[in-house]
Amino acid sequence: MEKPKVMVALRDTETAGSLTKLACQMASLAGTNVIALHVIEVPPGLPIDVMDPIFERPGQQVLSLARQIASNNFSMHISTKLLKARNAGEAIVGEAEEDKIDLLVIGYHQNHGLAETLLGSTVQHVTHHAPCRVLVQVPPPKSKAKPAVVSEEKAEEGVETKKPEAA
């Protein structure tokens, strides 16, 4: 019987660490390795096979970080893939089908706006079309700074008040 295959789809260096760790943990439990994938979304006005370091460098950095995290934290060697596509969701699903992936780990960013509602997102596409189980990591909401509340008594203690002078 073939070992299950785990793939992690990485978008940026901000989330690559936590997603890679999660994928490595899942792979360790299953006794298998991880394939890390980064998709470069090429805009429609450019040829799909555009060769430009401006497009490739961020993806290479993300995959390098994933390799480093897997090696340092799990003593695991992971395979990496850098793809170019018009749509990241379709490319991720295609790779999962082609590689016969059993578990796909992907992250969700909560800071989407109206564009996600109108156009859909990578995560929505992957969860609806992937040929395997999908584990979506949602980060905790960022805490908003709360204003310091000072009671009126404490506030008055720190403020000097002048007494009106008698005339």
Foldseek 3Di string as FASTA:
>chain_A
DDQAAEEEEDEFQVCLLVQLVVRLVVCVVSVHAYEYEYEQADAPVDPQPDDDCVRCVRVVVSVVVSQVNCCPPPVGGYHYDYYYHNAPLVVVQVVCVVVVHAEYEYEDEPPDDPCCVVPNHSVVSNCVRHPHHYHYDYDDDDDDDDDDDDDPVRVVVVDDDDDDDDD
